[in-house]
């Protein structure tokens, strides 16, 4: 059986903020595009360099999300497809919860 892996890497550079997004084995290209837009939007007011990776599993519907940012920030979370956590809006809401409180 031939398994195809898709990698999407996008780099957004906005002044003092850069976001790199990598996605592998995450399905529908339209959904991937929406997810990229949501992640970029959530991180758009955060200074520093950010890296978000989403990797789908071959064994089940789960995706592993890893978020890395300035000052050694690192968080990981398993997104469960059966719980609707692959939806762009759900990923955006979760990302907001994982991030450190923004300074005003």
PDB file of N, CA and C in Angstrom:
ATOM      1  N   UNK A   1       0.832  -1.171   0.000  1.00  0.00           N
ATOM      2  CA  UNK A   1       0.000   0.000   0.000  1.00  0.00           C
ATOM      3  C   UNK A   1       0.882   1.241   0.000  1.00  0.00           C
ATOM      4  N   UNK A   2       0.585   2.159  -0.891  1.00  0.00           N
ATOM      5  CA  UNK A   2       1.362   3.375  -1.015  1.00  0.00           C
ATOM      6  C   UNK A   2       0.722   4.480  -0.178  1.00  0.00           C
ATOM      7  N   UNK A   3       1.449   4.996   0.795  1.00  0.00           N
ATOM      8  CA  UNK A   3       0.944   6.074   1.645  1.00  0.00           C
ATOM      9  C   UNK A   3       1.625   7.360   1.220  1.00  0.00           C
ATOM     10  N   UNK A   4       0.828   8.366   0.926  1.00  0.00           N
ATOM     11  CA  UNK A   4       1.386   9.655   0.525  1.00  0.00           C
ATOM     12  C   UNK A   4       1.327  10.619   1.690  1.00  0.00           C
ATOM     13  N   UNK A   5       2.432  11.254   1.949  1.00  0.00           N
ATOM     14  CA  UNK A   5       2.518  12.264   3.004  1.00  0.00           C
ATOM     15  C   UNK A   5       2.492  13.621   2.347  1.00  0.00           C
ATOM     16  N   UNK A   6       1.774  14.526   2.910  1.00  0.00           N
ATOM     17  CA  UNK A   6       1.720  15.891   2.405  1.00  0.00           C
ATOM     18  C   UNK A   6       2.334  16.795   3.458  1.00  0.00           C
ATOM     19  N   UNK A   7       3.214  17.621   3.036  1.00  0.00           N
ATOM     20  CA  UNK A   7       3.805  18.599   3.945  1.00  0.00           C
ATOM     21  C   UNK A   7       3.458  19.985   3.443  1.00  0.00           C
ATOM     22  N   UNK A   8       2.926  20.768   4.324  1.00  0.00           N
ATOM     23  CA  UNK A   8       2.638  22.162   4.023  1.00  0.00           C
ATOM     24  C   UNK A   8       3.462  22.980   4.995  1.00  0.00           C
ATOM     25  N   UNK A   9       4.301  23.798   4.464  1.00  0.00           N
ATOM     26  CA  UNK A   9       5.075  24.685   5.331  1.00  0.00           C
ATOM     27  C   UNK A   9       4.854  26.102   4.842  1.00  0.00           C
ATOM     28  N   UNK A  10       4.482  26.938   5.735  1.00  0.00           N
ATOM     29  CA  UNK A  10       4.234  28.336   5.384  1.00  0.00           C
ATOM     30  C   UNK A  10       5.005  29.209   6.354  1.00  0.00           C
ATOM     31  N   UNK A  11       5.562  30.270   5.857  1.00  0.00           N
ATOM     32  CA  UNK A  11       6.293  31.204   6.711  1.00  0.00           C
ATOM     33  C   UNK A  11       5.673  32.579   6.546  1.00  0.00           C
ATOM     34  N   UNK A  12       5.272  33.153   7.644  1.00  0.00           N
ATOM     35  CA  UNK A  12       4.709  34.492   7.644  1.00  0.00           C
ATOM     36  C   UNK A  12       5.680  35.386   8.387  1.00  0.00           C
ATOM     37  N   UNK A  13       6.069  36.467   7.771  1.00  0.00           N
ATOM     38  CA  UNK A  13       6.991  37.397   8.391  1.00  0.00           C
ATOM     39  C   UNK A  13       6.322  38.747   8.461  1.00  0.00           C
ATOM     40  N   UNK A  14       6.011  39.206   9.656  1.00  0.00           N
ATOM     41  CA  UNK A  14       5.320  40.477   9.824  1.00  0.00           C
ATOM     42  C   UNK A  14       6.071  41.308  10.854  1.00  0.00           C
ATOM     43  N   UNK A  15       7.060  42.022  10.399  1.00  0.00           N
ATOM     44  CA  UNK A  15       7.814  42.876  11.306  1.00  0.00           C
ATOM     45  C   UNK A  15       8.574  42.071  12.334  1.00  0.00           C
ATOM     46  N   UNK A  16       8.187  42.197  13.599  1.00  0.00           N
ATOM     47  CA  UNK A  16       8.900  41.503  14.671  1.00  0.00           C
ATOM     48  C   UNK A  16       8.278  40.139  14.981  1.00  0.00           C
ATOM     49  N   UNK A  17       7.412  39.635  14.096  1.00  0.00           N
ATOM     50  CA  UNK A  17       6.759  38.346  14.306  1.00  0.00           C
ATOM     51  C   UNK A  17       6.957  37.474  13.076  1.00  0.00           C
ATOM     52  N   UNK A  18       7.294  36.209  13.283  1.00  0.00           N
ATOM     53  CA  UNK A  18       7.388  35.245  12.191  1.00  0.00           C
ATOM     54  C   UNK A  18       6.688  33.972  12.642  1.00  0.00           C
ATOM     55  N   UNK A  19       5.920  33.383  11.743  1.00  0.00           N
ATOM     56  CA  UNK A  19       5.208  32.145  12.048  1.00  0.00           C
ATOM     57  C   UNK A  19       5.547  31.118  10.984  1.00  0.00           C
ATOM     58  N   UNK A  20       5.995  29.951  11.404  1.00  0.00           N
ATOM     59  CA  UNK A  20       6.213  28.829  10.504  1.00  0.00           C
ATOM     60  C   UNK A  20       5.187  27.768  10.855  1.00  0.00           C
ATOM     61  N   UNK A  21       4.461  27.302   9.848  1.00  0.00           N
ATOM     62  CA  UNK A  21       3.434  26.290  10.063  1.00  0.00           C
ATOM     63  C   UNK A  21       3.757  25.099   9.181  1.00  0.00           C
ATOM     64  N   UNK A  22       3.816  23.931   9.795  1.00  0.00           N
ATOM     65  CA  UNK A  22       4.096  22.705   9.054  1.00  0.00           C
ATOM     66  C   UNK A  22       2.967  21.719   9.313  1.00  0.00           C
ATOM     67  N   UNK A  23       2.452  21.125   8.243  1.00  0.00           N
ATOM     68  CA  UNK A  23       1.369  20.153   8.377  1.00  0.00           C
ATOM     69  C   UNK A  23       1.717  18.912   7.555  1.00  0.00           C
ATOM     70  N   UNK A  24       1.561  17.750   8.170  1.00  0.00           N
ATOM     71  CA  UNK A  24       1.816  16.487   7.491  1.00  0.00           C
ATOM     72  C   UNK A  24       0.662  15.534   7.740  1.00  0.00           C
ATOM     73  N   UNK A  25       0.213  14.899   6.671  1.00  0.00           N
ATOM     74  CA  UNK A  25      -0.802  13.853   6.774  1.00  0.00           C
ATOM     75  C   UNK A  25      -2.071  14.343   7.476  1.00  0.00           C
ATOM     76  N   UNK A  26      -2.546  15.514   7.042  1.00  0.00           N
ATOM     77  CA  UNK A  26      -3.716  16.104   7.703  1.00  0.00           C
ATOM     78  C   UNK A  26      -4.941  16.218   6.798  1.00  0.00           C
ATOM     79  N   UNK A  27      -4.931  15.560   5.639  1.00  0.00           N
ATOM     80  CA  UNK A  27      -6.148  15.475   4.841  1.00  0.00           C
ATOM     81  C   UNK A  27      -6.423  16.605   3.883  1.00  0.00           C
ATOM     82  N   UNK A  28      -7.666  16.991   3.786  1.00  0.00           N
ATOM     83  CA  UNK A  28      -8.233  17.929   2.815  1.00  0.00           C
ATOM     84  C   UNK A  28      -7.429  19.224   2.685  1.00  0.00           C
ATOM     85  N   UNK A  29      -6.958  19.537   1.462  1.00  0.00           N
ATOM     86  CA  UNK A  29      -6.173  20.762   1.262  1.00  0.00           C
ATOM     87  C   UNK A  29      -6.924  22.047   1.617  1.00  0.00           C
ATOM     88  N   UNK A  30      -8.242  22.093   1.367  1.00  0.00           N
ATOM     89  CA  UNK A  30      -9.004  23.296   1.730  1.00  0.00           C
ATOM     90  C   UNK A  30      -8.996  23.519   3.235  1.00  0.00           C
ATOM     91  N   UNK A  31      -9.179  22.442   3.988  1.00  0.00           N
ATOM     92  CA  UNK A  31      -9.155  22.548   5.452  1.00  0.00           C
ATOM     93  C   UNK A  31      -7.773  22.990   5.919  1.00  0.00           C
ATOM     94  N   UNK A  32      -6.730  22.473   5.294  1.00  0.00           N
ATOM     95  CA  UNK A  32      -5.363  22.883   5.667  1.00  0.00           C
ATOM     96  C   UNK A  32      -5.197  24.381   5.489  1.00  0.00           C
ATOM     97  N   UNK A  33      -5.694  24.909   4.372  1.00  0.00           N
ATOM     98  CA  UNK A  33      -5.593  26.350   4.139  1.00  0.00           C
ATOM     99  C   UNK A  33      -6.316  27.151   5.207  1.00  0.00           C
ATOM    100  N   UNK A  34      -7.491  26.709   5.617  1.00  0.00           N
ATOM    101  CA  UNK A  34      -8.251  27.392   6.664  1.00  0.00           C
ATOM    102  C   UNK A  34      -7.515  27.325   7.998  1.00  0.00           C
ATOM    103  N   UNK A  35      -6.914  26.178   8.283  1.00  0.00           N
ATOM    104  CA  UNK A  35      -6.164  26.013   9.535  1.00  0.00           C
ATOM    105  C   UNK A  35      -4.979  26.973   9.567  1.00  0.00           C
ATOM    106  N   UNK A  36      -4.260  27.090   8.447  1.00  0.00           N
ATOM    107  CA  UNK A  36      -3.124  28.015   8.370  1.00  0.00           C
ATOM    108  C   UNK A  36      -3.577  29.444   8.657  1.00  0.00           C
ATOM    109  N   UNK A  37      -4.694  29.850   8.064  1.00  0.00           N
ATOM    110  CA  UNK A  37      -5.208  31.213   8.276  1.00  0.00           C
ATOM    111  C   UNK A  37      -5.547  31.435   9.750  1.00  0.00           C
ATOM    112  N   UNK A  38      -6.186  30.461  10.382  1.00  0.00           N
ATOM    113  CA  UNK A  38      -6.562  30.598  11.797  1.00  0.00           C
ATOM    114  C   UNK A  38      -5.325  30.697  12.681  1.00  0.00           C
ATOM    115  N   UNK A  39      -4.340  29.838  12.444  1.00  0.00           N
ATOM    116  CA  UNK A  39      -3.110  29.857  13.257  1.00  0.00           C
ATOM    117  C   UNK A  39      -2.400  31.201  13.086  1.00  0.00           C
ATOM    118  N   UNK A  40      -2.278  31.658  11.845  1.00  0.00           N
ATOM    119  CA  UNK A  40      -1.629  32.938  11.592  1.00  0.00           C
ATOM    120  C   UNK A  40      -2.367  34.068  12.298  1.00  0.00           C
ATOM    121  N   UNK A  41      -3.685  34.030  12.271  1.00  0.00           N
ATOM    122  CA  UNK A  41      -4.481  35.071  12.933  1.00  0.00           C
ATOM    123  C   UNK A  41      -4.260  35.064  14.451  1.00  0.00           C
ATOM    124  N   UNK A  42      -4.280  33.894  15.055  1.00  0.00           N
ATOM    125  CA  UNK A  42      -4.098  33.797  16.512  1.00  0.00           C
ATOM    126  C   UNK A  42      -2.723  34.328  16.922  1.00  0.00           C
ATOM    127  N   UNK A  43      -1.713  34.063  16.106  1.00  0.00           N
ATOM    128  CA  UNK A  43      -0.349  34.460  16.471  1.00  0.00           C
ATOM    129  C   UNK A  43       0.034  35.844  15.944  1.00  0.00           C
ATOM    130  N   UNK A  44      -0.840  36.493  15.207  1.00  0.00           N
ATOM    131  CA  UNK A  44      -0.489  37.753  14.540  1.00  0.00           C
ATOM    132  C   UNK A  44      -0.097  38.888  15.487  1.00  0.00           C
ATOM    133  N   UNK A  45      -0.587  38.870  16.716  1.00  0.00           N
ATOM    134  CA  UNK A  45      -0.227  39.951  17.649  1.00  0.00           C
ATOM    135  C   UNK A  45       0.844  39.511  18.646  1.00  0.00           C
ATOM    136  N   UNK A  46       1.448  38.369  18.395  1.00  0.00           N
ATOM    137  CA  UNK A  46       2.487  37.851  19.292  1.00  0.00           C
ATOM    138  C   UNK A  46       3.864  38.114  18.704  1.00  0.00           C
ATOM    139  N   UNK A  47       4.721  38.854  19.411  1.00  0.00           N
ATOM    140  CA  UNK A  47       6.072  39.102  18.896  1.00  0.00           C
ATOM    141  C   UNK A  47       6.927  37.846  18.958  1.00  0.00           C
ATOM    142  N   UNK A  48       7.962  37.828  18.158  1.00  0.00           N
ATOM    143  CA  UNK A  48       8.911  36.721  18.169  1.00  0.00           C
ATOM    144  C   UNK A  48       8.617  35.705  17.085  1.00  0.00           C
ATOM    145  N   UNK A  49       9.433  34.660  17.103  1.00  0.00           N
ATOM    146  CA  UNK A  49       9.301  33.598  16.115  1.00  0.00           C
ATOM    147  C   UNK A  49       8.488  32.455  16.692  1.00  0.00           C
ATOM    148  N   UNK A  50       7.505  32.002  15.926  1.00  0.00           N
ATOM    149  CA  UNK A  50       6.617  30.922  16.334  1.00  0.00           C
ATOM    150  C   UNK A  50       6.665  29.803  15.313  1.00  0.00           C
ATOM    151  N   UNK A  51       6.565  28.580  15.802  1.00  0.00           N
ATOM    152  CA  UNK A  51       6.534  27.409  14.925  1.00  0.00           C
ATOM    153  C   UNK A  51       5.392  26.516  15.404  1.00  0.00           C
ATOM    154  N   UNK A  52       4.513  26.148  14.484  1.00  0.00           N
ATOM    155  CA  UNK A  52       3.400  25.257  14.800  1.00  0.00           C
ATOM    156  C   UNK A  52       3.476  24.077  13.840  1.00  0.00           C
ATOM    157  N   UNK A  53       3.458  22.870  14.385  1.00  0.00           N
ATOM    158  CA  UNK A  53       3.431  21.691  13.523  1.00  0.00           C
ATOM    159  C   UNK A  53       2.226  20.835  13.887  1.00  0.00           C
ATOM    160  N   UNK A  54       1.583  20.333  12.845  1.00  0.00           N
ATOM    161  CA  UNK A  54       0.456  19.416  12.985  1.00  0.00           C
ATOM    162  C   UNK A  54       0.801  18.174  12.188  1.00  0.00           C
ATOM    163  N   UNK A  55       0.807  17.035  12.860  1.00  0.00           N
ATOM    164  CA  UNK A  55       1.162  15.780  12.203  1.00  0.00           C
ATOM    165  C   UNK A  55       0.063  14.763  12.449  1.00  0.00           C
ATOM    166  N   UNK A  56      -0.522  14.270  11.355  1.00  0.00           N
ATOM    167  CA  UNK A  56      -1.556  13.247  11.447  1.00  0.00           C
ATOM    168  C   UNK A  56      -0.951  11.881  11.684  1.00  0.00           C
ATOM    169  N   UNK A  57      -1.720  11.028  12.314  1.00  0.00           N
ATOM    170  CA  UNK A  57      -1.278   9.675  12.611  1.00  0.00           C
ATOM    171  C   UNK A  57      -1.727   8.720  11.520  1.00  0.00           C
ATOM    172  N   UNK A  58      -0.929   7.729  11.229  1.00  0.00           N
ATOM    173  CA  UNK A  58      -1.324   6.669  10.300  1.00  0.00           C
ATOM    174  C   UNK A  58      -2.210   5.652  10.994  1.00  0.00           C
ATOM    175  N   UNK A  59      -2.113   5.580  12.308  1.00  0.00           N
ATOM    176  CA  UNK A  59      -2.808   4.544  13.080  1.00  0.00           C
ATOM    177  C   UNK A  59      -4.226   4.926  13.494  1.00  0.00           C
ATOM    178  N   UNK A  60      -4.506   6.229  13.610  1.00  0.00           N
ATOM    179  CA  UNK A  60      -5.827   6.659  14.073  1.00  0.00           C
ATOM    180  C   UNK A  60      -6.136   8.055  13.539  1.00  0.00           C
ATOM    181  N   UNK A  61      -7.217   8.646  14.015  1.00  0.00           N
ATOM    182  CA  UNK A  61      -7.634   9.972  13.540  1.00  0.00           C
ATOM    183  C   UNK A  61      -6.959  11.123  14.275  1.00  0.00           C
ATOM    184  N   UNK A  62      -6.094  10.846  15.202  1.00  0.00           N
ATOM    185  CA  UNK A  62      -5.492  11.905  16.013  1.00  0.00           C
ATOM    186  C   UNK A  62      -4.384  12.638  15.267  1.00  0.00           C
ATOM    187  N   UNK A  63      -4.236  13.917  15.584  1.00  0.00           N
ATOM    188  CA  UNK A  63      -3.129  14.738  15.106  1.00  0.00           C
ATOM    189  C   UNK A  63      -2.350  15.215  16.321  1.00  0.00           C
ATOM    190  N   UNK A  64      -1.044  15.295  16.175  1.00  0.00           N
ATOM    191  CA  UNK A  64      -0.201  15.868  17.222  1.00  0.00           C
ATOM    192  C   UNK A  64       0.110  17.310  16.839  1.00  0.00           C
ATOM    193  N   UNK A  65      -0.180  18.228  17.746  1.00  0.00           N
ATOM    194  CA  UNK A  65       0.128  19.633  17.521  1.00  0.00           C
ATOM    195  C   UNK A  65       1.231  20.049  18.484  1.00  0.00           C
ATOM    196  N   UNK A  66       2.248  20.689  17.938  1.00  0.00           N
ATOM    197  CA  UNK A  66       3.342  21.193  18.759  1.00  0.00           C
ATOM    198  C   UNK A  66       3.497  22.679  18.447  1.00  0.00           C
ATOM    199  N   UNK A  67       3.587  23.481  19.494  1.00  0.00           N
ATOM    200  CA  UNK A  67       3.727  24.932  19.363  1.00  0.00           C
ATOM    201  C   UNK A  67       5.015  25.335  20.065  1.00  0.00           C
ATOM    202  N   UNK A  68       5.867  26.042  19.339  1.00  0.00           N
ATOM    203  CA  UNK A  68       7.121  26.539  19.911  1.00  0.00           C
ATOM    204  C   UNK A  68       7.184  28.042  19.678  1.00  0.00           C
ATOM    205  N   UNK A  69       7.682  28.760  20.681  1.00  0.00           N
ATOM    206  CA  UNK A  69       7.753  30.209  20.567  1.00  0.00           C
ATOM    207  C   UNK A  69       8.952  30.779  21.284  1.00  0.00           C
ATOM    208  N   UNK A  70       8.958  32.100  21.422  1.00  0.00           N
ATOM    209  CA  UNK A  70      10.082  32.780  22.067  1.00  0.00           C
ATOM    210  C   UNK A  70      10.251  32.369  23.527  1.00  0.00           C
ATOM    211  N   UNK A  71      11.436  32.616  24.032  1.00  0.00           N
ATOM    212  CA  UNK A  71      11.775  32.360  25.440  1.00  0.00           C
ATOM    213  C   UNK A  71      11.573  30.906  25.842  1.00  0.00           C
ATOM    214  N   UNK A  72      11.800  29.979  24.915  1.00  0.00           N
ATOM    215  CA  UNK A  72      11.710  28.556  25.230  1.00  0.00           C
ATOM    216  C   UNK A  72      10.291  28.026  25.365  1.00  0.00           C
ATOM    217  N   UNK A  73       9.302  28.792  24.921  1.00  0.00           N
ATOM    218  CA  UNK A  73       7.920  28.336  25.023  1.00  0.00           C
ATOM    219  C   UNK A  73       7.719  27.101  24.161  1.00  0.00           C
ATOM    220  N   UNK A  74       7.106  26.074  24.749  1.00  0.00           N
ATOM    221  CA  UNK A  74       6.812  24.844  24.013  1.00  0.00           C
ATOM    222  C   UNK A  74       5.608  24.148  24.629  1.00  0.00           C
ATOM    223  N   UNK A  75       4.646  23.802  23.792  1.00  0.00           N
ATOM    224  CA  UNK A  75       3.464  23.059  24.233  1.00  0.00           C
ATOM    225  C   UNK A  75       3.122  22.017  23.180  1.00  0.00           C
ATOM    226  N   UNK A  76       2.568  20.901  23.636  1.00  0.00           N
ATOM    227  CA  UNK A  76       2.101  19.849  22.736  1.00  0.00           C
ATOM    228  C   UNK A  76       0.693  19.456  23.134  1.00  0.00           C
ATOM    229  N   UNK A  77      -0.072  19.011  22.144  1.00  0.00           N
ATOM    230  CA  UNK A  77      -1.444  18.613  22.405  1.00  0.00           C
ATOM    231  C   UNK A  77      -1.867  17.618  21.331  1.00  0.00           C
ATOM    232  N   UNK A  78      -2.650  16.627  21.710  1.00  0.00           N
ATOM    233  CA  UNK A  78      -3.208  15.681  20.758  1.00  0.00           C
ATOM    234  C   UNK A  78      -4.611  16.135  20.380  1.00  0.00           C
ATOM    235  N   UNK A  79      -4.813  16.391  19.095  1.00  0.00           N
ATOM    236  CA  UNK A  79      -6.108  16.800  18.566  1.00  0.00           C
ATOM    237  C   UNK A  79      -6.872  15.544  18.150  1.00  0.00           C
ATOM    238  N   UNK A  80      -8.011  15.314  18.768  1.00  0.00           N
ATOM    239  CA  UNK A  80      -8.800  14.116  18.478  1.00  0.00           C
ATOM    240  C   UNK A  80      -9.849  14.424  17.414  1.00  0.00           C
ATOM    241  N   UNK A  81      -9.747  13.747  16.285  1.00  0.00           N
ATOM    242  CA  UNK A  81     -10.696  13.955  15.200  1.00  0.00           C
ATOM    243  C   UNK A  81     -12.112  13.618  15.599  1.00  0.00           C
ATOM    244  N   UNK A  82     -12.284  12.575  16.401  1.00  0.00           N
ATOM    245  CA  UNK A  82     -13.622  12.145  16.826  1.00  0.00           C
ATOM    246  C   UNK A  82     -14.299  13.181  17.725  1.00  0.00           C
ATOM    247  N   UNK A  83     -13.525  14.083  18.305  1.00  0.00           N
ATOM    248  CA  UNK A  83     -14.072  15.125  19.184  1.00  0.00           C
ATOM    249  C   UNK A  83     -14.213  16.465  18.450  1.00  0.00           C
ATOM    250  N   UNK A  84     -13.995  16.468  17.130  1.00  0.00           N
ATOM    251  CA  UNK A  84     -14.120  17.696  16.348  1.00  0.00           C
ATOM    252  C   UNK A  84     -12.937  18.637  16.468  1.00  0.00           C
ATOM    253  N   UNK A  85     -11.819  18.150  16.998  1.00  0.00           N
ATOM    254  CA  UNK A  85     -10.666  19.019  17.225  1.00  0.00           C
ATOM    255  C   UNK A  85      -9.826  19.263  15.971  1.00  0.00           C
ATOM    256  N   UNK A  86     -10.229  18.727  14.822  1.00  0.00           N
ATOM    257  CA  UNK A  86      -9.526  19.002  13.567  1.00  0.00           C
ATOM    258  C   UNK A  86     -10.113  20.210  12.844  1.00  0.00           C
ATOM    259  N   UNK A  87     -11.212  20.729  13.351  1.00  0.00           N
ATOM    260  CA  UNK A  87     -11.858  21.887  12.731  1.00  0.00           C
ATOM    261  C   UNK A  87     -11.007  23.142  12.970  1.00  0.00           C
ATOM    262  N   UNK A  88     -10.872  23.994  11.947  1.00  0.00           N
ATOM    263  CA  UNK A  88     -10.053  25.200  12.102  1.00  0.00           C
ATOM    264  C   UNK A  88     -10.418  26.047  13.324  1.00  0.00           C
ATOM    265  N   UNK A  89     -11.695  26.264  13.572  1.00  0.00           N
ATOM    266  CA  UNK A  89     -12.119  27.088  14.716  1.00  0.00           C
ATOM    267  C   UNK A  89     -11.697  26.435  16.028  1.00  0.00           C
ATOM    268  N   UNK A  90     -11.838  25.118  16.126  1.00  0.00           N
ATOM    269  CA  UNK A  90     -11.442  24.399  17.343  1.00  0.00           C
ATOM    270  C   UNK A  90      -9.938  24.504  17.564  1.00  0.00           C
ATOM    271  N   UNK A  91      -9.158  24.412  16.494  1.00  0.00           N
ATOM    272  CA  UNK A  91      -7.700  24.530  16.606  1.00  0.00           C
ATOM    273  C   UNK A  91      -7.336  25.937  17.068  1.00  0.00           C
ATOM    274  N   UNK A  92      -8.001  26.952  16.525  1.00  0.00           N
ATOM    275  CA  UNK A  92      -7.738  28.333  16.943  1.00  0.00           C
ATOM    276  C   UNK A  92      -8.032  28.554  18.412  1.00  0.00           C
ATOM    277  N   UNK A  93      -9.170  28.061  18.885  1.00  0.00           N
ATOM    278  CA  UNK A  93      -9.543  28.218  20.301  1.00  0.00           C
ATOM    279  C   UNK A  93      -8.549  27.500  21.208  1.00  0.00           C
ATOM    280  N   UNK A  94      -8.132  26.307  20.819  1.00  0.00           N
ATOM    281  CA  UNK A  94      -7.163  25.560  21.622  1.00  0.00           C
ATOM    282  C   UNK A  94      -5.818  26.278  21.654  1.00  0.00           C
ATOM    283  N   UNK A  95      -5.401  26.794  20.514  1.00  0.00           N
ATOM    284  CA  UNK A  95      -4.130  27.501  20.449  1.00  0.00           C
ATOM    285  C   UNK A  95      -4.127  28.700  21.397  1.00  0.00           C
ATOM    286  N   UNK A  96      -5.219  29.437  21.437  1.00  0.00           N
ATOM    287  CA  UNK A  96      -5.338  30.577  22.359  1.00  0.00           C
ATOM    288  C   UNK A  96      -5.147  30.106  23.805  1.00  0.00           C
ATOM    289  N   UNK A  97      -5.737  28.971  24.164  1.00  0.00           N
ATOM    290  CA  UNK A  97      -5.627  28.438  25.530  1.00  0.00           C
ATOM    291  C   UNK A  97      -4.196  27.994  25.842  1.00  0.00           C
ATOM    292  N   UNK A  98      -3.472  27.477  24.848  1.00  0.00           N
ATOM    293  CA  UNK A  98      -2.119  26.985  25.085  1.00  0.00           C
ATOM    294  C   UNK A  98      -1.085  28.088  25.209  1.00  0.00           C
ATOM    295  N   UNK A  99      -1.360  29.244  24.620  1.00  0.00           N
ATOM    296  CA  UNK A  99      -0.391  30.329  24.614  1.00  0.00           C
ATOM    297  C   UNK A  99      -0.290  31.021  25.973  1.00  0.00           C
ATOM    298  N   UNK A 100       0.877  31.571  26.261  1.00  0.00           N
ATOM    299  CA  UNK A 100       0.988  32.360  27.502  1.00  0.00           C
ATOM    300  C   UNK A 100       0.137  33.607  27.390  1.00  0.00           C
ATOM    301  N   UNK A 101      -0.270  34.142  28.531  1.00  0.00           N
ATOM    302  CA  UNK A 101      -1.075  35.373  28.539  1.00  0.00           C
ATOM    303  C   UNK A 101      -0.300  36.476  27.825  1.00  0.00           C
ATOM    304  N   UNK A 102      -0.982  37.201  26.952  1.00  0.00           N
ATOM    305  CA  UNK A 102      -0.308  38.286  26.238  1.00  0.00           C
ATOM    306  C   UNK A 102      -0.197  39.499  27.144  1.00  0.00           C
ATOM    307  N   UNK A 103       0.885  40.206  26.965  1.00  0.00           N
ATOM    308  CA  UNK A 103       1.113  41.420  27.764  1.00  0.00           C
ATOM    309  C   UNK A 103       0.481  42.601  27.062  1.00  0.00           C
ATOM    310  N   UNK A 104      -0.287  43.375  27.778  1.00  0.00           N
ATOM    311  CA  UNK A 104      -0.927  44.554  27.177  1.00  0.00           C
ATOM    312  C   UNK A 104      -0.120  45.790  27.414  1.00  0.00           C
TER     313      UNK A 104
END
